[in-house]
Amino acid sequence: MTQRIDYQQQAPELFKKLVAISMQAAQGGVEATIGHLVEIRASQINGCAFCVDMHVKQAMIHGERPLRIHHLPVWRESPLFSERERAALAWTEVLTQLPPHGVPDDIYALVREQFSEKDLTDLTYAVMAINAWNRINVAFTSVPGSADKAYGLDKAGLA
C-alpha cells in the first residue's frame, strides 16, 4: 500500500483546520475514553486502516484495555461497556451510517438519557471529525503506522 496523495502538503490550511476541529471536539465535555471508542468504532465501520491503527495506539497509550478494543465490533453483546459508552457507540454508528430517514427517535432518546445537550453536541462534532478523517485517509490510502513517530504512537509498543 502506498499513499496516493500527501493531502497535508497539498492543502495545509485545510489540514490545520480539521486538526483544530478534532482537538476542540476532544476538549469538550465527553470523556477521553469515550472519544477513543468513538474514533475506533467509526474507523472500523468506514474501513479506515490508518485511523484504526492510529486510534487503537492512542487508546492504548491512554490506558484503554485491549479486550475492550477487541470487543468494539460486538459492543452490543459485550458486558465491558457502560450505558454511557453504549449510547455514544450507538450515536457513532447511526451518524456514520445515516439511515435514509435520519436518526431514529429511539436512538436520540437513548443518547439524551446519557448526555446533556452540550455533551451530545460535542460528541456529534467528534463523530463528524473522525468521519472526515476516515474519508480523506481512505481516499488517499494513508499507510497504517506511517505517522507513528511523528505523533508519538511508537510509545504504544504495537509496531
N, C-alpha and C. Protein backbone atom coordinates (compact mmCIF):
# COMPACT_ATOMS: atom_id res chain seq x y z
N MET A 1 0.85 -1.17 0.00
CA MET A 1 0.00 0.00 0.00
C MET A 1 0.90 1.24 0.00
N THR A 2 0.59 2.15 -0.88
CA THR A 2 1.29 3.43 -0.91
C THR A 2 0.26 4.55 -0.92
N GLN A 3 0.63 5.64 -0.28
CA GLN A 3 -0.28 6.77 -0.22
C GLN A 3 -0.37 7.43 -1.59
N ARG A 4 -1.58 7.73 -2.03
CA ARG A 4 -1.81 8.32 -3.35
C ARG A 4 -1.40 9.78 -3.41
N ILE A 5 -1.81 10.54 -2.41
CA ILE A 5 -1.55 11.98 -2.36
C ILE A 5 -1.21 12.33 -0.92
N ASP A 6 -0.25 13.24 -0.75
CA ASP A 6 0.05 13.78 0.58
C ASP A 6 -0.87 14.97 0.79
N TYR A 7 -2.05 14.70 1.35
CA TYR A 7 -3.06 15.75 1.48
C TYR A 7 -2.64 16.85 2.44
N GLN A 8 -1.80 16.53 3.40
CA GLN A 8 -1.29 17.58 4.31
C GLN A 8 -0.49 18.62 3.54
N GLN A 9 0.32 18.14 2.63
CA GLN A 9 1.16 19.03 1.83
C GLN A 9 0.34 19.79 0.80
N GLN A 10 -0.66 19.15 0.22
CA GLN A 10 -1.45 19.76 -0.84
C GLN A 10 -2.43 20.82 -0.33
N ALA A 11 -2.91 20.65 0.90
CA ALA A 11 -3.88 21.59 1.46
C ALA A 11 -3.58 21.81 2.95
N PRO A 12 -2.44 22.41 3.26
CA PRO A 12 -2.03 22.55 4.66
C PRO A 12 -2.99 23.35 5.53
N GLU A 13 -3.63 24.36 4.98
CA GLU A 13 -4.56 25.16 5.78
C GLU A 13 -5.83 24.37 6.12
N LEU A 14 -6.33 23.61 5.17
CA LEU A 14 -7.50 22.77 5.45
C LEU A 14 -7.14 21.69 6.46
N PHE A 15 -5.95 21.10 6.31
CA PHE A 15 -5.48 20.10 7.26
C PHE A 15 -5.46 20.69 8.67
N LYS A 16 -4.90 21.87 8.82
CA LYS A 16 -4.81 22.52 10.14
C LYS A 16 -6.20 22.79 10.72
N LYS A 17 -7.13 23.17 9.87
CA LYS A 17 -8.49 23.45 10.35
C LYS A 17 -9.19 22.16 10.82
N LEU A 18 -8.97 21.06 10.11
CA LEU A 18 -9.57 19.80 10.53
C LEU A 18 -8.93 19.32 11.84
N VAL A 19 -7.63 19.51 11.98
CA VAL A 19 -6.95 19.20 13.24
C VAL A 19 -7.56 20.04 14.36
N ALA A 20 -7.76 21.32 14.11
CA ALA A 20 -8.31 22.22 15.13
C ALA A 20 -9.72 21.78 15.54
N ILE A 21 -10.56 21.40 14.58
CA ILE A 21 -11.91 20.93 14.90
C ILE A 21 -11.83 19.67 15.75
N SER A 22 -10.96 18.74 15.37
CA SER A 22 -10.81 17.49 16.11
C SER A 22 -10.35 17.75 17.54
N MET A 23 -9.38 18.63 17.69
CA MET A 23 -8.85 18.94 19.02
C MET A 23 -9.90 19.65 19.87
N GLN A 24 -10.64 20.57 19.28
CA GLN A 24 -11.69 21.28 20.02
C GLN A 24 -12.78 20.32 20.47
N ALA A 25 -13.16 19.41 19.60
CA ALA A 25 -14.19 18.42 19.96
C ALA A 25 -13.69 17.53 21.09
N ALA A 26 -12.42 17.17 21.07
CA ALA A 26 -11.85 16.31 22.11
C ALA A 26 -11.78 17.01 23.46
N GLN A 27 -11.77 18.34 23.46
CA GLN A 27 -11.69 19.09 24.71
C GLN A 27 -13.06 19.40 25.29
N GLY A 28 -14.11 18.90 24.66
CA GLY A 28 -15.46 19.13 25.15
C GLY A 28 -15.74 18.34 26.40
N GLY A 29 -17.00 18.18 26.71
CA GLY A 29 -17.40 17.54 27.96
C GLY A 29 -17.43 16.02 27.94
N VAL A 30 -17.14 15.42 26.81
CA VAL A 30 -17.19 13.96 26.70
C VAL A 30 -15.83 13.38 27.12
N GLU A 31 -15.88 12.36 27.94
CA GLU A 31 -14.67 11.73 28.45
C GLU A 31 -13.75 11.25 27.32
N ALA A 32 -12.46 11.34 27.57
CA ALA A 32 -11.47 10.90 26.58
C ALA A 32 -11.65 9.43 26.24
N THR A 33 -12.01 8.63 27.22
CA THR A 33 -12.22 7.19 26.98
C THR A 33 -13.29 6.99 25.91
N ILE A 34 -14.39 7.72 26.02
CA ILE A 34 -15.45 7.62 25.02
C ILE A 34 -14.96 8.13 23.68
N GLY A 35 -14.19 9.20 23.68
CA GLY A 35 -13.63 9.73 22.44
C GLY A 35 -12.82 8.69 21.69
N HIS A 36 -12.01 7.94 22.43
CA HIS A 36 -11.20 6.89 21.78
C HIS A 36 -12.09 5.79 21.20
N LEU A 37 -13.10 5.38 21.96
CA LEU A 37 -14.00 4.34 21.47
C LEU A 37 -14.72 4.79 20.21
N VAL A 38 -15.17 6.04 20.20
CA VAL A 38 -15.87 6.60 19.05
C VAL A 38 -14.95 6.62 17.83
N GLU A 39 -13.73 7.08 18.01
CA GLU A 39 -12.79 7.15 16.89
C GLU A 39 -12.48 5.77 16.31
N ILE A 40 -12.30 4.80 17.18
CA ILE A 40 -12.00 3.45 16.69
C ILE A 40 -13.22 2.86 16.00
N ARG A 41 -14.39 2.98 16.61
CA ARG A 41 -15.59 2.34 16.04
C ARG A 41 -15.96 2.94 14.69
N ALA A 42 -15.95 4.26 14.57
CA ALA A 42 -16.26 4.88 13.27
C ALA A 42 -15.24 4.44 12.22
N SER A 43 -13.98 4.39 12.62
CA SER A 43 -12.93 3.99 11.68
C SER A 43 -13.09 2.55 11.24
N GLN A 44 -13.53 1.68 12.15
CA GLN A 44 -13.81 0.29 11.78
C GLN A 44 -14.93 0.23 10.74
N ILE A 45 -16.01 0.94 11.00
CA ILE A 45 -17.15 0.94 10.10
C ILE A 45 -16.75 1.46 8.72
N ASN A 46 -15.93 2.51 8.69
CA ASN A 46 -15.52 3.12 7.43
C ASN A 46 -14.36 2.40 6.74
N GLY A 47 -13.83 1.38 7.36
CA GLY A 47 -12.73 0.62 6.76
C GLY A 47 -11.46 1.43 6.63
N CYS A 48 -11.21 2.32 7.59
CA CYS A 48 -10.02 3.16 7.53
C CYS A 48 -8.90 2.53 8.36
N ALA A 49 -8.04 1.79 7.70
CA ALA A 49 -6.95 1.09 8.39
C ALA A 49 -6.01 2.07 9.08
N PHE A 50 -5.71 3.21 8.43
CA PHE A 50 -4.82 4.20 9.02
C PHE A 50 -5.38 4.70 10.35
N CYS A 51 -6.67 5.04 10.36
CA CYS A 51 -7.28 5.59 11.57
C CYS A 51 -7.50 4.53 12.64
N VAL A 52 -7.88 3.32 12.27
CA VAL A 52 -8.00 2.25 13.26
C VAL A 52 -6.65 2.06 13.94
N ASP A 53 -5.60 1.96 13.15
CA ASP A 53 -4.25 1.78 13.68
C ASP A 53 -3.89 2.91 14.64
N MET A 54 -4.08 4.15 14.19
CA MET A 54 -3.73 5.32 14.99
C MET A 54 -4.51 5.38 16.30
N HIS A 55 -5.82 5.20 16.22
CA HIS A 55 -6.64 5.41 17.41
C HIS A 55 -6.58 4.24 18.39
N VAL A 56 -6.31 3.05 17.91
CA VAL A 56 -6.05 1.94 18.84
C VAL A 56 -4.78 2.24 19.62
N LYS A 57 -3.75 2.70 18.95
CA LYS A 57 -2.49 3.03 19.64
C LYS A 57 -2.69 4.18 20.63
N GLN A 58 -3.43 5.21 20.23
CA GLN A 58 -3.70 6.31 21.16
C GLN A 58 -4.47 5.82 22.38
N ALA A 59 -5.48 5.00 22.15
CA ALA A 59 -6.27 4.48 23.27
C ALA A 59 -5.40 3.65 24.21
N MET A 60 -4.53 2.83 23.67
CA MET A 60 -3.64 2.01 24.50
C MET A 60 -2.69 2.89 25.31
N ILE A 61 -2.13 3.92 24.69
CA ILE A 61 -1.24 4.84 25.39
C ILE A 61 -1.99 5.50 26.56
N HIS A 62 -3.28 5.77 26.37
CA HIS A 62 -4.07 6.43 27.41
C HIS A 62 -4.75 5.44 28.36
N GLY A 63 -4.35 4.18 28.30
CA GLY A 63 -4.78 3.21 29.30
C GLY A 63 -5.98 2.35 28.97
N GLU A 64 -6.45 2.41 27.74
CA GLU A 64 -7.59 1.56 27.38
C GLU A 64 -7.17 0.10 27.42
N ARG A 65 -8.07 -0.74 27.90
CA ARG A 65 -7.78 -2.18 27.98
C ARG A 65 -7.93 -2.82 26.60
N PRO A 66 -6.99 -3.69 26.24
CA PRO A 66 -7.05 -4.34 24.92
C PRO A 66 -8.35 -5.11 24.68
N LEU A 67 -8.88 -5.77 25.71
CA LEU A 67 -10.09 -6.56 25.50
C LEU A 67 -11.26 -5.68 25.09
N ARG A 68 -11.38 -4.50 25.65
CA ARG A 68 -12.46 -3.59 25.26
C ARG A 68 -12.31 -3.18 23.79
N ILE A 69 -11.10 -2.97 23.36
CA ILE A 69 -10.87 -2.63 21.95
C ILE A 69 -11.28 -3.80 21.07
N HIS A 70 -10.94 -5.01 21.48
CA HIS A 70 -11.33 -6.19 20.70
C HIS A 70 -12.85 -6.38 20.68
N HIS A 71 -13.52 -5.92 21.71
CA HIS A 71 -14.98 -6.08 21.80
C HIS A 71 -15.76 -4.98 21.08
N LEU A 72 -15.09 -3.96 20.58
CA LEU A 72 -15.84 -2.86 19.95
C LEU A 72 -16.78 -3.31 18.82
N PRO A 73 -16.36 -4.21 17.94
CA PRO A 73 -17.31 -4.62 16.89
C PRO A 73 -18.56 -5.33 17.43
N VAL A 74 -18.48 -5.84 18.65
CA VAL A 74 -19.62 -6.56 19.25
C VAL A 74 -20.06 -5.88 20.55
N TRP A 75 -19.97 -4.57 20.60
CA TRP A 75 -20.25 -3.82 21.83
C TRP A 75 -21.66 -4.07 22.37
N ARG A 76 -22.61 -4.34 21.51
CA ARG A 76 -23.99 -4.57 21.98
C ARG A 76 -24.09 -5.83 22.84
N GLU A 77 -23.29 -6.82 22.51
CA GLU A 77 -23.33 -8.09 23.23
C GLU A 77 -22.32 -8.15 24.37
N SER A 78 -21.39 -7.24 24.41
CA SER A 78 -20.31 -7.27 25.39
C SER A 78 -20.72 -6.61 26.71
N PRO A 79 -20.33 -7.21 27.83
CA PRO A 79 -20.61 -6.60 29.13
C PRO A 79 -19.57 -5.56 29.55
N LEU A 80 -18.63 -5.24 28.68
CA LEU A 80 -17.49 -4.39 29.06
C LEU A 80 -17.73 -2.89 28.94
N PHE A 81 -18.90 -2.48 28.47
CA PHE A 81 -19.15 -1.06 28.22
C PHE A 81 -20.29 -0.54 29.10
N SER A 82 -20.11 0.68 29.59
CA SER A 82 -21.14 1.32 30.42
C SER A 82 -22.31 1.76 29.54
N GLU A 83 -23.40 2.14 30.19
CA GLU A 83 -24.57 2.63 29.44
C GLU A 83 -24.22 3.90 28.66
N ARG A 84 -23.42 4.76 29.24
CA ARG A 84 -23.00 5.99 28.56
C ARG A 84 -22.14 5.66 27.34
N GLU A 85 -21.24 4.71 27.48
CA GLU A 85 -20.42 4.30 26.34
C GLU A 85 -21.27 3.66 25.25
N ARG A 86 -22.24 2.86 25.64
CA ARG A 86 -23.14 2.22 24.67
C ARG A 86 -23.94 3.28 23.90
N ALA A 87 -24.41 4.29 24.60
CA ALA A 87 -25.15 5.36 23.94
C ALA A 87 -24.25 6.08 22.94
N ALA A 88 -23.01 6.36 23.34
CA ALA A 88 -22.06 7.03 22.44
C ALA A 88 -21.76 6.17 21.22
N LEU A 89 -21.63 4.87 21.42
CA LEU A 89 -21.36 3.98 20.29
C LEU A 89 -22.57 3.88 19.36
N ALA A 90 -23.77 3.85 19.92
CA ALA A 90 -24.98 3.84 19.08
C ALA A 90 -25.05 5.12 18.26
N TRP A 91 -24.75 6.26 18.88
CA TRP A 91 -24.77 7.55 18.19
C TRP A 91 -23.72 7.58 17.09
N THR A 92 -22.55 7.06 17.39
CA THR A 92 -21.46 6.99 16.40
C THR A 92 -21.89 6.18 15.19
N GLU A 93 -22.47 5.03 15.44
CA GLU A 93 -22.87 4.17 14.33
C GLU A 93 -23.96 4.80 13.48
N VAL A 94 -24.97 5.40 14.11
CA VAL A 94 -26.06 5.97 13.32
C VAL A 94 -25.60 7.18 12.53
N LEU A 95 -24.69 7.98 13.08
CA LEU A 95 -24.20 9.15 12.33
C LEU A 95 -23.19 8.76 11.26
N THR A 96 -22.50 7.66 11.47
CA THR A 96 -21.52 7.19 10.48
C THR A 96 -22.22 6.53 9.30
N GLN A 97 -23.34 5.87 9.56
CA GLN A 97 -24.13 5.22 8.51
C GLN A 97 -25.55 5.77 8.57
N LEU A 98 -25.72 7.00 8.17
CA LEU A 98 -27.02 7.65 8.29
C LEU A 98 -28.12 6.86 7.59
N PRO A 99 -29.19 6.56 8.32
CA PRO A 99 -30.32 5.87 7.70
C PRO A 99 -31.04 6.82 6.72
N PRO A 100 -31.79 6.27 5.76
CA PRO A 100 -32.47 7.10 4.77
C PRO A 100 -33.39 8.15 5.37
N HIS A 101 -33.97 7.87 6.52
CA HIS A 101 -34.93 8.81 7.12
C HIS A 101 -34.37 9.51 8.36
N GLY A 102 -33.05 9.58 8.45
CA GLY A 102 -32.44 10.30 9.56
C GLY A 102 -32.26 9.46 10.81
N VAL A 103 -31.90 10.13 11.87
CA VAL A 103 -31.65 9.46 13.15
C VAL A 103 -32.97 9.08 13.80
N PRO A 104 -33.15 7.80 14.09
CA PRO A 104 -34.40 7.35 14.72
C PRO A 104 -34.58 7.97 16.12
N ASP A 105 -35.82 8.22 16.46
CA ASP A 105 -36.15 8.82 17.76
C ASP A 105 -35.65 7.99 18.93
N ASP A 106 -35.69 6.66 18.81
CA ASP A 106 -35.27 5.82 19.93
C ASP A 106 -33.77 5.96 20.22
N ILE A 107 -32.97 6.13 19.18
CA ILE A 107 -31.53 6.32 19.40
C ILE A 107 -31.27 7.69 19.99
N TYR A 108 -31.99 8.70 19.50
CA TYR A 108 -31.85 10.03 20.07
C TYR A 108 -32.24 10.02 21.55
N ALA A 109 -33.33 9.36 21.89
CA ALA A 109 -33.77 9.29 23.28
C ALA A 109 -32.72 8.57 24.14
N LEU A 110 -32.13 7.53 23.61
CA LEU A 110 -31.09 6.79 24.32
C LEU A 110 -29.90 7.69 24.67
N VAL A 111 -29.42 8.46 23.69
CA VAL A 111 -28.27 9.32 23.97
C VAL A 111 -28.63 10.48 24.87
N ARG A 112 -29.86 10.98 24.77
CA ARG A 112 -30.27 12.10 25.63
C ARG A 112 -30.39 11.68 27.10
N GLU A 113 -30.62 10.39 27.34
CA GLU A 113 -30.62 9.89 28.71
C GLU A 113 -29.22 9.95 29.33
N GLN A 114 -28.20 9.89 28.49
CA GLN A 114 -26.83 9.79 28.96
C GLN A 114 -26.02 11.08 28.80
N PHE A 115 -26.43 11.96 27.89
CA PHE A 115 -25.64 13.14 27.56
C PHE A 115 -26.48 14.41 27.64
N SER A 116 -25.89 15.45 28.19
CA SER A 116 -26.52 16.77 28.17
C SER A 116 -26.53 17.27 26.73
N GLU A 117 -27.26 18.33 26.47
CA GLU A 117 -27.28 18.90 25.13
C GLU A 117 -25.87 19.31 24.69
N LYS A 118 -25.12 19.92 25.58
CA LYS A 118 -23.75 20.35 25.26
C LYS A 118 -22.86 19.15 24.97
N ASP A 119 -22.91 18.12 25.83
CA ASP A 119 -22.08 16.93 25.62
C ASP A 119 -22.46 16.20 24.34
N LEU A 120 -23.76 16.15 24.05
CA LEU A 120 -24.20 15.48 22.82
C LEU A 120 -23.73 16.26 21.59
N THR A 121 -23.73 17.56 21.68
CA THR A 121 -23.22 18.38 20.58
C THR A 121 -21.72 18.14 20.40
N ASP A 122 -20.97 18.11 21.51
CA ASP A 122 -19.53 17.82 21.44
C ASP A 122 -19.28 16.44 20.85
N LEU A 123 -20.06 15.46 21.30
CA LEU A 123 -19.93 14.10 20.77
C LEU A 123 -20.21 14.07 19.28
N THR A 124 -21.21 14.81 18.85
CA THR A 124 -21.57 14.84 17.43
C THR A 124 -20.43 15.43 16.60
N TYR A 125 -19.82 16.50 17.09
CA TYR A 125 -18.66 17.06 16.38
C TYR A 125 -17.50 16.06 16.34
N ALA A 126 -17.31 15.30 17.41
CA ALA A 126 -16.25 14.29 17.41
C ALA A 126 -16.52 13.22 16.35
N VAL A 127 -17.77 12.80 16.24
CA VAL A 127 -18.13 11.80 15.22
C VAL A 127 -17.95 12.40 13.82
N MET A 128 -18.36 13.64 13.65
CA MET A 128 -18.18 14.30 12.34
C MET A 128 -16.70 14.36 11.98
N ALA A 129 -15.86 14.73 12.94
CA ALA A 129 -14.43 14.88 12.67
C ALA A 129 -13.79 13.55 12.28
N ILE A 130 -14.07 12.49 13.03
CA ILE A 130 -13.42 11.21 12.69
C ILE A 130 -13.92 10.70 11.34
N ASN A 131 -15.18 10.96 11.02
CA ASN A 131 -15.67 10.55 9.71
C ASN A 131 -14.96 11.32 8.60
N ALA A 132 -14.67 12.59 8.82
CA ALA A 132 -13.91 13.37 7.83
C ALA A 132 -12.51 12.79 7.66
N TRP A 133 -11.84 12.50 8.78
CA TRP A 133 -10.50 11.91 8.72
C TRP A 133 -10.54 10.56 8.00
N ASN A 134 -11.55 9.75 8.31
CA ASN A 134 -11.67 8.45 7.66
C ASN A 134 -11.78 8.60 6.15
N ARG A 135 -12.58 9.53 5.72
CA ARG A 135 -12.80 9.70 4.29
C ARG A 135 -11.55 10.15 3.55
N ILE A 136 -10.80 11.06 4.14
CA ILE A 136 -9.60 11.52 3.43
C ILE A 136 -8.50 10.45 3.45
N ASN A 137 -8.39 9.73 4.57
CA ASN A 137 -7.36 8.70 4.64
C ASN A 137 -7.70 7.47 3.79
N VAL A 138 -8.98 7.14 3.67
CA VAL A 138 -9.37 6.06 2.77
C VAL A 138 -9.17 6.49 1.31
N ALA A 139 -9.58 7.71 0.99
CA ALA A 139 -9.46 8.20 -0.39
C ALA A 139 -8.03 8.18 -0.89
N PHE A 140 -7.11 8.58 -0.02
CA PHE A 140 -5.71 8.70 -0.45
C PHE A 140 -4.82 7.58 0.09
N THR A 141 -5.44 6.50 0.57
CA THR A 141 -4.77 5.29 1.07
C THR A 141 -3.57 5.58 1.98
N SER A 142 -3.83 6.33 3.02
CA SER A 142 -2.78 6.58 4.01
C SER A 142 -2.33 5.26 4.62
N VAL A 143 -1.05 5.09 4.77
CA VAL A 143 -0.46 3.81 5.20
C VAL A 143 -0.50 3.70 6.74
N PRO A 144 -1.14 2.65 7.25
CA PRO A 144 -1.19 2.47 8.70
C PRO A 144 0.22 2.45 9.30
N GLY A 145 0.39 3.16 10.39
CA GLY A 145 1.67 3.19 11.09
C GLY A 145 2.68 4.18 10.53
N SER A 146 2.37 4.79 9.39
CA SER A 146 3.35 5.66 8.74
C SER A 146 3.60 6.96 9.50
N ALA A 147 2.70 7.33 10.39
CA ALA A 147 2.86 8.57 11.14
C ALA A 147 3.16 8.32 12.62
N ASP A 148 3.46 7.08 12.97
CA ASP A 148 3.66 6.73 14.38
C ASP A 148 4.70 7.61 15.08
N LYS A 149 5.84 7.74 14.48
CA LYS A 149 6.91 8.51 15.11
C LYS A 149 6.50 9.98 15.24
N ALA A 150 5.93 10.55 14.20
CA ALA A 150 5.53 11.96 14.20
C ALA A 150 4.49 12.25 15.27
N TYR A 151 3.59 11.31 15.54
CA TYR A 151 2.52 11.52 16.51
C TYR A 151 2.79 10.87 17.86
N GLY A 152 3.98 10.32 18.05
CA GLY A 152 4.33 9.69 19.32
C GLY A 152 3.63 8.37 19.58
N LEU A 153 3.12 7.74 18.52
CA LEU A 153 2.38 6.50 18.68
C LEU A 153 3.29 5.28 18.82
N ASP A 154 4.57 5.48 18.56
CA ASP A 154 5.52 4.38 18.75
C ASP A 154 5.60 3.98 20.23
N LYS A 155 5.15 4.87 21.12
CA LYS A 155 5.14 4.59 22.56
C LYS A 155 4.13 3.51 22.92
N ALA A 156 3.21 3.20 22.03
CA ALA A 156 2.20 2.20 22.31
C ALA A 156 2.81 0.80 22.32
N GLY A 157 3.96 0.63 21.68
CA GLY A 157 4.61 -0.68 21.63
C GLY A 157 3.83 -1.70 20.81
N LEU A 158 3.15 -1.22 19.78
CA LEU A 158 2.32 -2.12 18.96
C LEU A 158 2.83 -2.25 17.53
N ALA A 159 4.06 -1.89 17.29
CA ALA A 159 4.58 -1.94 15.90
C ALA A 159 4.70 -3.35 15.40
